[in-house]
Amino acid sequence: MRRTLADPILADLERKMVLLVGPRQVGKTWLARELAGRFRFPVYLNCDARADRELLERAGWLPETDLLILDELHKLADWQRLLKGIFDTRPPGLRILVTGSARLDLLVHGGESLAGRYFRHRLLPFTLAELRGTPHEGALDRLLERGGFPEPFLADDPTQADRWRRQIVDALVRYDILDFQRIIDFKALSLTLELLRARVGSPVSFASIARDIGASPTTVTRYVHLLEALHLVFRVTPHSRSIARSLLKEPKIYFFDTGLVSAGEGPRLENLVAVSLLAHVWGKVDRRGESAELCYVRTKDGREVDFALVRDGRLERLVECKVADDHPDPSLIRFAAQTGAPATQVVLRLRHEQQARGVELRRALDWLQTLD
């Protein structure tokens, strides 16, 4: 199935090298190979393979090579210096595409500077917007049940999706996490993960989780950072004009894989909307160079709006999620009036789309498909 990042990546390859990053199993290697088919003389090197590593270290590809794909490059020692040298001495007509998971995304900012030499693109699971024009257009129920990772989403048998999910989470928690930290209490980490699955949609207190699992808040904070580093979860923080105040408030934690959410239909919908909005925001940042972020709004008295799209530090849109409610949420009405920002209530089951008290009420399927 086509990925909408293909054309932006092709355009950027004509100017700089491209770093393609994202969660494990989200389709980075598949997309890289699909792009290779659009070139006459592509070379794909997987740095997990010894022969490919040796060819890379001696730059042994033919002069007519027009696309060089380097997969899992960050697993090599001194990979940034190596990549800088390849890019700076490349012949005319050689494009370079580097793919990797969370580790690449974290490491690219340290060590040998690659500044000014690359564009980054972050690949996310399928969203309703990306599914437009495909055989799975409008597959909202399927996304809610299976999540948007290609293998479970496209599987003929839904039980295969469950098997995939168990295997991938186990691999992430028990093996990939060792790339980040050697000493870990896997039982406490697994308990933290299970509690996060059940608390999607609510501000998360690390102190509360710490009490539940019998660990310190510092340990829980470290575990959540690890899960973020693995691209298993992402956080949404409250919007605030003061960055310090925003960081002190409780975040909300969402999963890249909506299928992992265990808290029921409402939280699953909110998680799916969160992934869709994150893809929308990252597209603005990666493809357009805009300053954009995904936040939420919450006051000290507990009034809250699920999401806030922020651009250049200013509210661009407020978004609230509901399973079946054709009346605008009071907090959404209040914040829209106070801030002047457009407000949308996204409803899973809505009979009539309408405008009411300054709020757009939109069907989730229709509205999410419009996010580019």
Protein backbone atom coordinates (compact mmCIF):
# COMPACT_ATOMS: atom_id res chain seq x y z
CA MET A 1 0.00 0.00 0.00
CA ARG A 2 1.36 3.43 -0.92
CA ARG A 3 2.62 5.77 1.79
CA THR A 4 2.04 9.50 1.46
CA LEU A 5 5.61 10.26 2.55
CA ALA A 6 6.97 8.78 -0.69
CA ASP A 7 6.68 11.91 -2.83
CA PRO A 8 8.02 14.37 -0.19
CA ILE A 9 10.99 12.08 0.39
CA LEU A 10 11.72 11.87 -3.33
CA ALA A 11 11.64 15.65 -3.58
CA ASP A 12 13.98 16.09 -0.61
CA LEU A 13 16.45 13.50 -1.92
CA GLU A 14 17.23 15.89 -4.76
CA ARG A 15 18.51 18.46 -2.26
CA LYS A 16 19.98 16.63 0.74
CA MET A 17 20.12 13.19 2.26
CA VAL A 18 16.96 12.00 4.00
CA LEU A 19 16.70 10.36 7.41
CA LEU A 20 13.55 8.24 7.64
CA VAL A 21 12.70 7.36 11.24
CA GLY A 22 9.75 5.96 13.14
CA PRO A 23 8.54 3.13 15.37
CA ARG A 24 9.66 -0.43 14.77
CA GLN A 25 7.55 -2.26 12.15
CA VAL A 26 5.85 0.91 10.91
CA GLY A 27 6.99 0.29 7.32
CA LYS A 28 10.29 2.18 6.93
CA THR A 29 12.15 -0.60 5.13
CA TRP A 30 9.15 -1.34 2.90
CA LEU A 31 8.91 2.32 1.94
CA ALA A 32 12.66 2.53 1.26
CA ARG A 33 12.49 -0.48 -1.06
CA GLU A 34 9.42 0.95 -2.80
CA LEU A 35 11.33 4.17 -3.43
CA ALA A 36 14.29 2.17 -4.73
CA GLY A 37 12.05 0.88 -7.51
CA ARG A 38 11.82 4.40 -8.91
CA PHE A 39 15.57 4.60 -9.58
CA ARG A 40 17.71 2.92 -12.26
CA PHE A 41 20.66 1.85 -10.09
CA PRO A 42 19.67 1.70 -6.41
CA VAL A 43 21.77 0.00 -3.74
CA TYR A 44 20.22 -1.22 -0.49
CA LEU A 45 22.60 -1.98 2.39
CA ASN A 46 21.40 -3.48 5.66
CA CYS A 47 24.02 -2.78 8.30
CA ASP A 48 22.98 -5.87 10.24
CA ALA A 49 24.55 -7.93 7.41
CA ARG A 50 28.33 -8.34 7.52
CA ALA A 51 28.77 -8.25 3.74
CA ASP A 52 26.76 -5.04 3.51
CA ARG A 53 28.81 -3.44 6.29
CA GLU A 54 32.06 -4.28 4.53
CA LEU A 55 30.81 -2.83 1.25
CA LEU A 56 29.72 0.31 3.06
CA GLU A 57 33.03 0.81 4.85
CA ARG A 58 34.96 0.69 1.58
CA ALA A 59 32.32 2.63 -0.39
CA GLY A 60 32.24 -0.23 -2.87
CA TRP A 61 29.07 0.63 -4.79
CA LEU A 62 29.36 1.31 -8.53
CA PRO A 63 29.82 4.87 -9.82
CA GLU A 64 26.43 4.85 -11.57
CA THR A 65 24.55 4.22 -8.29
CA ASP A 66 21.79 6.84 -8.08
CA LEU A 67 20.18 5.89 -4.73
CA LEU A 68 22.04 4.56 -1.70
CA ILE A 69 19.78 3.20 1.06
CA LEU A 70 21.44 2.61 4.42
CA ASP A 71 19.27 0.61 6.81
CA GLU A 72 20.15 0.36 10.54
CA LEU A 73 23.27 2.48 9.97
CA HIS A 74 23.22 3.75 13.55
CA LYS A 75 24.26 0.31 14.79
CA LEU A 76 27.78 0.94 13.45
CA ALA A 77 30.43 2.58 15.60
CA ASP A 78 31.22 6.13 14.50
CA TRP A 79 28.35 6.00 12.01
CA GLN A 80 27.82 9.76 11.95
CA ARG A 81 31.39 10.47 10.84
CA LEU A 82 31.07 7.74 8.21
CA LEU A 83 27.79 9.17 6.91
CA LYS A 84 29.16 12.72 6.87
CA GLY A 85 32.10 11.55 4.77
CA ILE A 86 29.87 9.67 2.31
CA PHE A 87 27.60 12.67 1.88
CA ASP A 88 30.39 15.25 1.55
CA THR A 89 32.29 13.22 -1.06
CA ARG A 90 29.33 11.81 -3.00
CA PRO A 91 29.40 12.11 -6.79
CA PRO A 92 26.73 14.13 -8.63
CA GLY A 93 23.48 12.18 -8.95
CA LEU A 94 23.89 10.03 -5.81
CA ARG A 95 20.96 10.32 -3.42
CA ILE A 96 21.23 8.98 0.13
CA LEU A 97 18.35 7.61 2.21
CA VAL A 98 19.04 6.49 5.79
CA THR A 99 16.42 4.53 7.71
CA GLY A 100 16.27 3.65 11.38
CA SER A 101 14.10 3.50 14.47
CA ALA A 102 14.09 5.52 17.65
CA ARG A 103 17.82 5.09 18.25
CA LEU A 104 18.69 6.92 15.02
CA ASP A 105 16.31 9.75 15.86
CA LEU A 106 17.99 10.26 19.23
CA LEU A 107 21.60 9.89 18.13
CA VAL A 108 21.52 12.11 15.06
CA HIS A 109 21.73 15.21 17.23
CA GLY A 110 24.95 14.20 18.97
CA GLY A 111 28.51 13.44 17.94
CA GLU A 112 29.75 14.37 14.47
CA SER A 113 27.56 17.17 13.16
CA LEU A 114 25.21 16.39 10.29
CA ALA A 115 23.59 19.82 10.50
CA GLY A 116 22.58 21.21 7.16
CA ARG A 117 23.08 17.90 5.38
CA TYR A 118 19.75 16.15 5.88
CA PHE A 119 15.98 16.38 6.02
CA ARG A 120 14.15 14.24 8.58
CA HIS A 121 10.85 12.50 7.87
CA ARG A 122 8.97 10.62 10.60
CA LEU A 123 6.79 7.72 9.47
CA LEU A 124 3.71 6.97 11.56
CA PRO A 125 1.07 4.21 11.41
CA PHE A 126 -1.75 4.47 8.89
CA THR A 127 -4.29 7.21 9.51
CA LEU A 128 -7.65 7.79 7.88
CA ALA A 129 -6.14 10.65 5.89
CA GLU A 130 -3.41 8.39 4.49
CA LEU A 131 -5.94 5.66 3.65
CA ARG A 132 -7.88 7.94 1.30
CA GLY A 133 -7.86 6.57 -2.24
CA THR A 134 -6.87 3.05 -1.12
CA PRO A 135 -8.99 -0.12 -0.79
CA HIS A 136 -9.15 0.61 2.95
CA GLU A 137 -10.48 4.15 2.68
CA GLY A 138 -12.80 4.92 5.59
CA ALA A 139 -11.70 1.90 7.67
CA LEU A 140 -12.30 3.65 10.99
CA ASP A 141 -13.52 0.57 12.86
CA ARG A 142 -10.52 -1.43 11.65
CA LEU A 143 -8.12 1.26 12.88
CA LEU A 144 -9.83 1.40 16.26
CA GLU A 145 -9.63 -2.36 16.64
CA ARG A 146 -6.21 -3.12 15.15
CA GLY A 147 -4.30 0.14 15.15
CA GLY A 148 -2.52 1.50 12.08
CA PHE A 149 0.70 -0.51 11.93
CA PRO A 150 0.77 -2.18 8.50
CA GLU A 151 1.06 -5.84 9.48
CA PRO A 152 -1.84 -6.04 11.99
CA PHE A 153 -3.96 -3.58 10.02
CA LEU A 154 -3.65 -5.47 6.72
CA ALA A 155 -3.84 -9.00 8.18
CA ASP A 156 -6.68 -11.15 6.84
CA ASP A 157 -7.17 -12.80 10.22
CA PRO A 158 -7.63 -10.44 13.19
CA THR A 159 -6.00 -13.01 15.51
CA GLN A 160 -2.76 -12.45 13.57
CA ALA A 161 -2.91 -8.81 14.66
CA ASP A 162 -3.02 -9.88 18.30
CA ARG A 163 -0.09 -12.25 17.85
CA TRP A 164 1.95 -9.54 16.13
CA ARG A 165 1.24 -7.09 18.94
CA ARG A 166 2.34 -9.45 21.70
CA GLN A 167 5.55 -10.30 19.87
CA ILE A 168 6.52 -6.75 19.01
CA VAL A 169 5.88 -5.38 22.50
CA ASP A 170 7.88 -8.23 24.03
CA ALA A 171 10.76 -7.55 21.63
CA LEU A 172 10.73 -3.85 22.41
CA VAL A 173 10.58 -4.23 26.17
CA ARG A 174 12.98 -7.16 26.55
CA TYR A 175 15.55 -6.57 23.82
CA ASP A 176 15.50 -3.12 22.22
CA ILE A 177 15.44 -1.42 25.58
CA LEU A 178 18.89 -2.84 26.26
CA ASP A 179 20.22 -0.43 23.63
CA PHE A 180 19.29 2.37 26.00
CA GLN A 181 19.89 0.92 29.46
CA ARG A 182 21.53 -2.25 30.67
CA ILE A 183 20.00 -2.50 34.14
CA ILE A 184 16.22 -2.56 34.26
CA ASP A 185 13.45 -4.13 36.33
CA PHE A 186 11.41 -5.65 33.50
CA LYS A 187 8.51 -6.56 35.79
CA ALA A 188 8.15 -2.97 37.01
CA LEU A 189 8.51 -1.68 33.45
CA SER A 190 5.79 -4.08 32.24
CA LEU A 191 3.48 -2.99 35.05
CA THR A 192 4.07 0.65 34.13
CA LEU A 193 3.18 -0.16 30.53
CA GLU A 194 -0.02 -1.95 31.57
CA LEU A 195 -1.13 0.98 33.73
CA LEU A 196 -0.47 3.42 30.90
CA ARG A 197 -2.60 1.28 28.57
CA ALA A 198 -5.49 1.64 31.02
CA ARG A 199 -5.07 5.40 31.56
CA VAL A 200 -5.07 6.71 28.00
CA GLY A 201 -6.98 9.97 27.80
CA SER A 202 -6.31 11.10 31.37
CA PRO A 203 -3.45 13.20 32.73
CA VAL A 204 -0.90 10.74 34.08
CA SER A 205 0.57 11.08 37.54
CA PHE A 206 3.93 9.33 37.67
CA ALA A 207 3.73 9.45 41.49
CA SER A 208 0.42 7.55 41.37
CA ILE A 209 1.86 4.89 39.07
CA ALA A 210 4.89 4.64 41.34
CA ARG A 211 2.65 3.86 44.32
CA ASP A 212 0.74 1.26 42.32
CA ILE A 213 3.86 -0.65 41.24
CA GLY A 214 5.91 -0.09 44.39
CA ALA A 215 8.63 2.01 42.80
CA SER A 216 9.86 5.58 43.09
CA PRO A 217 8.45 8.40 40.91
CA THR A 218 11.96 8.87 39.52
CA THR A 219 11.99 5.26 38.35
CA VAL A 220 8.57 5.57 36.70
CA THR A 221 9.65 8.78 34.99
CA ARG A 222 12.72 6.98 33.66
CA TYR A 223 10.57 4.08 32.40
CA VAL A 224 8.20 6.41 30.56
CA HIS A 225 11.19 8.15 28.96
CA LEU A 226 12.42 4.74 27.79
CA LEU A 227 9.03 3.86 26.32
CA GLU A 228 9.04 7.21 24.52
CA ALA A 229 12.57 6.63 23.26
CA LEU A 230 11.43 3.30 21.80
CA HIS A 231 8.55 5.05 19.99
CA LEU A 232 6.05 2.91 21.87
CA VAL A 233 4.30 5.89 23.48
CA PHE A 234 4.29 9.65 23.09
CA ARG A 235 3.27 12.37 25.48
CA VAL A 236 0.99 15.37 25.00
CA THR A 237 1.63 18.24 27.43
CA PRO A 238 -0.64 21.12 28.44
CA HIS A 239 -0.46 24.23 26.32
CA SER A 240 1.00 27.13 28.23
CA ARG A 241 2.66 30.37 27.30
CA SER A 242 5.17 29.52 30.01
CA ILE A 243 7.25 26.48 29.05
CA ALA A 244 8.27 25.95 32.68
CA ARG A 245 4.65 25.83 33.86
CA SER A 246 3.77 23.46 31.03
CA LEU A 247 6.52 21.03 31.97
CA LEU A 248 5.39 20.94 35.60
CA LYS A 249 1.85 19.86 34.70
CA GLU A 250 0.86 16.24 34.16
CA PRO A 251 1.15 14.96 30.59
CA LYS A 252 -1.22 12.64 28.80
CA ILE A 253 0.35 9.47 27.38
CA TYR A 254 -0.79 7.91 24.10
CA PHE A 255 0.32 4.85 22.14
CA PHE A 256 1.54 4.87 18.55
CA ASP A 257 -0.38 1.58 18.28
CA THR A 258 -4.03 2.27 19.09
CA GLY A 259 -4.54 -1.48 19.37
CA LEU A 260 -2.60 -1.43 22.65
CA VAL A 261 -5.15 0.77 24.42
CA SER A 262 -7.07 -1.29 26.98
CA ALA A 263 -9.32 1.40 28.47
CA GLY A 264 -12.40 1.05 26.25
CA GLU A 265 -14.00 2.65 23.20
CA GLY A 266 -13.69 6.29 24.27
CA PRO A 267 -9.97 6.17 25.06
CA ARG A 268 -9.32 4.18 21.88
CA LEU A 269 -11.02 6.89 19.85
CA GLU A 270 -9.03 9.57 21.63
CA ASN A 271 -5.79 7.65 21.03
CA LEU A 272 -6.59 7.30 17.33
CA VAL A 273 -7.30 11.03 17.11
CA ALA A 274 -4.03 11.71 18.95
CA VAL A 275 -2.02 9.65 16.43
CA SER A 276 -3.81 11.34 13.54
CA LEU A 277 -3.15 14.80 14.94
CA LEU A 278 0.47 13.93 15.66
CA ALA A 279 0.94 12.82 12.05
CA HIS A 280 -0.63 16.11 10.96
CA VAL A 281 1.68 18.14 13.22
CA TRP A 282 4.83 16.21 12.30
CA GLY A 283 3.98 16.72 8.66
CA LYS A 284 3.93 20.47 9.21
CA VAL A 285 7.30 20.32 10.97
CA ASP A 286 9.11 17.83 8.71
CA ARG A 287 7.72 18.78 5.29
CA ARG A 288 6.97 22.48 5.69
CA GLY A 289 9.42 23.60 8.34
CA GLU A 290 6.65 25.06 10.51
CA SER A 291 6.80 25.47 14.28
CA ALA A 292 3.89 23.27 15.36
CA GLU A 293 3.05 21.04 18.29
CA LEU A 294 0.24 18.95 19.74
CA CYS A 295 -0.90 19.89 23.25
CA TYR A 296 -4.00 19.80 25.43
CA VAL A 297 -5.66 22.43 27.61
CA ARG A 298 -6.41 22.07 31.31
CA THR A 299 -7.13 24.52 34.12
CA LYS A 300 -6.48 24.16 37.85
CA ASP A 301 -10.19 23.50 38.44
CA GLY A 302 -10.06 20.48 36.12
CA ARG A 303 -11.67 21.92 32.98
CA GLU A 304 -10.04 20.28 30.00
CA VAL A 305 -10.07 20.05 26.21
CA ASP A 306 -8.53 16.90 24.76
CA PHE A 307 -6.23 18.51 22.19
CA ALA A 308 -4.88 21.86 21.12
CA LEU A 309 -3.08 22.39 17.82
CA VAL A 310 -0.42 25.03 18.42
CA ARG A 311 1.52 26.97 15.81
CA ASP A 312 4.27 29.45 16.67
CA GLY A 313 3.19 29.21 20.30
CA ARG A 314 -0.42 30.22 19.58
CA LEU A 315 -3.58 28.14 19.66
CA GLU A 316 -4.63 27.24 16.14
CA ARG A 317 -7.51 24.84 16.93
CA LEU A 318 -9.15 23.12 19.90
CA VAL A 319 -10.30 19.51 19.47
CA GLU A 320 -12.52 17.44 21.75
CA CYS A 321 -13.35 13.72 21.24
CA LYS A 322 -16.68 12.06 21.99
CA VAL A 323 -18.11 8.64 21.24
CA ALA A 324 -21.74 9.80 20.87
CA ASP A 325 -22.62 13.33 21.96
CA ASP A 326 -24.38 15.86 19.74
CA HIS A 327 -24.06 18.68 22.30
CA PRO A 328 -20.85 20.76 22.46
CA ASP A 329 -18.73 20.06 25.50
CA PRO A 330 -18.99 22.93 28.04
CA SER A 331 -15.23 23.20 28.47
CA LEU A 332 -14.76 23.36 24.71
CA ILE A 333 -17.33 26.16 24.48
CA ARG A 334 -15.61 28.04 27.29
CA PHE A 335 -12.06 27.77 25.94
CA ALA A 336 -13.16 28.63 22.42
CA ALA A 337 -14.84 31.79 23.68
CA GLN A 338 -11.86 32.75 25.85
CA THR A 339 -9.15 32.15 23.24
CA GLY A 340 -10.97 32.86 19.99
CA ALA A 341 -9.52 29.64 18.55
CA PRO A 342 -11.68 27.52 16.20
CA ALA A 343 -13.16 24.53 18.03
CA THR A 344 -14.08 21.09 16.72
CA GLN A 345 -15.86 18.29 18.56
CA VAL A 346 -15.03 15.00 16.85
CA VAL A 347 -17.79 12.42 17.40
CA LEU A 348 -17.59 8.74 16.55
CA ARG A 349 -21.34 8.32 16.13
CA LEU A 350 -23.02 11.58 15.11
CA ARG A 351 -26.32 11.85 13.28
CA HIS A 352 -25.95 15.37 11.91
CA GLU A 353 -22.86 17.50 11.53
CA GLN A 354 -23.58 21.03 12.69
CA GLN A 355 -22.36 24.29 14.20
CA ALA A 356 -23.51 25.02 17.75
CA ARG A 357 -22.39 27.71 20.20
CA GLY A 358 -19.19 28.39 18.30
CA VAL A 359 -18.24 24.71 18.02
CA GLU A 360 -18.16 22.51 14.92
CA LEU A 361 -19.59 19.04 15.56
CA ARG A 362 -18.00 16.68 13.04
CA ARG A 363 -18.17 12.95 12.38
CA ALA A 364 -14.83 11.40 13.29
CA LEU A 365 -14.56 9.53 10.00
CA ASP A 366 -15.16 12.60 7.85
CA TRP A 367 -13.02 15.03 9.85
CA LEU A 368 -10.02 12.77 10.36
CA GLN A 369 -9.86 12.10 6.64
CA THR A 370 -9.26 15.80 6.01
CA LEU A 371 -6.03 15.96 8.06
CA ASP A 372 -3.12 16.12 5.64
